[in-house]
Structures are given as C-alpha cells and as structure tokens.
Amino acid sequence: MTQPIINLTRGMPPPEVFPTEDLIECAEAVLRRDSDVLLQYGRSPGYVPLRQWLGQQYGVGPEQVLIGNSSMEIFAFITQTLLQPGDRAFIESPSYDRSITLLRRAGAQVVGIPLEEDGPDLTALEDELKQGAPVLIYVITDFHNPTGITTSLEKRRRLAALAEEYGFWIAEDAPYRALRYKGQDVPTLWSLAPERVLHMSSFSKVLAPGLRLGYVVGPAEMIATLAQWAVDTYIGPVFPTQGMVYEYCRRGLLEPNIERLKEVYRPRLQATFSALEKHLPQATWTRPEGGFYVGVTLPEGIEMVSLLARAGQAGLKLSDGRGFFPNSSNGDRFLRIPFCSVTPEEIAEGVSRLARIL
C-alpha cells in the first residue's frame, strides 16, 4: 500500500479554517449596498472604507494606506519605484524567496545580512553600510519566513536609527504579526521610524489567501507615488474582495477569527517542537512564539539535492532550502518546516520520515 504524501513545503492555512459562510454573507451584503463602487473601475489606492478602517488600526488617515492584490504585489511596486539597476538592496539571509526574486528582477545588487536568533546581525549590517548604503532593506520582523525568528526591540531600534542616519527605506513585511501564540508583541519598525518604513501586511494568513488582499502603510508622499504606479499598471486593484473584507472587519469578525486560528495553530507548533526533539536531536532549530514556520539546520554533511530526492521516495515533500538565501550554497542544510497546514499527526510522521532519510 502506497504511503500518503506529507507536504512540508508551502506556508498556507488549511481550508477548514476559512470562515466561508461569514464571507459569503459579507460579500452579499456589501455588494447589495455598494455595488456601484465595487463593480466599477477603481482609480484609487483601494476601497476607501477599508483604507479608512486600516488607517484607524495604525492611527493614520487613509492617505497613508494603499491596498493591492497581495502584499507581494505591493512589494513589487516598491522595488519598481525605488530601485534602479545596480542599486544596493539588503535582505536577511535567509529570507522569503520571492522577495529575493523581486529585488533581482528590479536589477538590484542584493546583499544578504546573516540572521541571528534575535534578528539581523547588526555588526555585519554596519560593515556593509560602510561599503555603501542601500536604497532599501527588506525585513520580516515578526515570525520570520522561513525561520520563525522575531527581531528583538533592541535591534529594531538600531535598524530604525540606521535608516534615519543613512537615509535608506525599510520594507517591513508583517503578515504573521497577529498570529502570536505566546509572549508579548514587540513594537513595529514602522512605529519606531514612520518616515523611513513602509509597513506591509495582508489578510492571507488571518483570513484567506485566495482573497489576494494586501496593504502598505507609510508616509503619504510615498503612498501617493505607489498609488500612481498602481493606477498606471492596472487602473485599480480588485474591489469586490476589498468590500467583502471591509464588511467582515466592520462587523467585528476579524479578531475572533484570529483567536480561533491561534487555537488551531498553537498545538501544531508544539507538535513540531516535540517531533524534532524526538526524531532529530542532532539538528538545531528555532523556537518561534507564533507564525507559520520553524527553521531547521540539518547536521553537517547534508546535500540538498540528495535530500530532496530521498524525500520524494519517502513520500515527503520538502522546500529546497537554498532558495531562501541570496547565496544559495548557504542553504544546503536549511529546511523550512511549515506547520499550520498539517495536523499534529502528520507533523510527527513527516519529521520521522525526515529522520529516517537523514
């Protein structure tokens, strides 16, 4: 009998957590109320009521909020408006693989800053600054993708100060911030340096990724620049889903949904720790307090190409760790374990299979 495949590749919510009935009800209500706006071209930075609601969450006006079709689309707009070919751009190493791709697509010289247990290695960062300041640095400060690390307040303050001193922009990507399972929130970089930070997030991890709804909060002038780029790209983002999400938030449903997600994901994170302790004591791993991922460093001597081939034979799908590093060779022993979309039983079996092929 063929063993079932266990997929430990993508960081996505399981379908059973989608609030489908509530979203259907919200979509019908808002379309009946505001269809003239939601079904028309929208030459704007997004649906005004949702921009106002988001602005209230951050203590700013709607002119400081832009909504797009996913936060990654917004980051693409940021790279295209800020960067010229050959400009330096810093990124954590490892980091989200698609962000590395977008920086390179914009022609940037991508510089990896090693990631420590409490955030970027600031000594390495300051050494690179002496070689030349970047136009932009991209960071995931809360429950980092792919490691799960959260940047400490001390390092956030230093990053904010360096941005002010050297005049570079910080793109702070925070899609996992609301999914904290224990511990205390750390102030955002945006709250520490609002004139130098573009704070991005989305509804993909707290509601449903198929909505393709992300946003950025930042200085009004930069938001206006991004909005003009967006209008020149596609006239306007998809409005019906923005209306649906606004109605959902207006009704006060988002916070209870986030609490429900925490109850689902918290035991899955603990199951990941337990499985690693039982089956892979020779490896090392991060201990995040939230988010979607645990970063694992495998023992010496592992080669990713061989590991992926053996994993396939064992009915186990793994991400290629090399894709998360600007210098791919640094990721030969790195694995991202996404725990939210698999059950505790699948996590235990998946890590057991990983141990056997190692």
Foldseek 3Di string as FASTA:
>chain_A
DDDAFFEQADFAFAPVLAPVVLLVVLLVVLCVVPVVAQVDQDQWLADQLLLQVVCVVVVHHSLQKGKALALLVLLLLVLQVQDAAAFAEEEEFQADLVSLVSNVVRNHDYDYFYADQQGGDVVSVVVVVVVPDGQEYEYAQALGVQAGHHHDLVVLLVVLVVCVVRVHAYEYEYAWQLFFLDDDHHDDSCVNHQARYWYKYACCHQHNSVLSMIMIGGDSVVSVVSSVVVCVVPNYHNHSSSSSVSSCVVVVNRVVSSVVLNVQCVVLLVLLVVLCVVQPVVKDWHRHRGDFKIKIFHDPPAAQVVLQVQCVVLSYHFDQQLSSGPRSVVRRRMGIGGRNNDHSVSSNVRSNSSSVVD
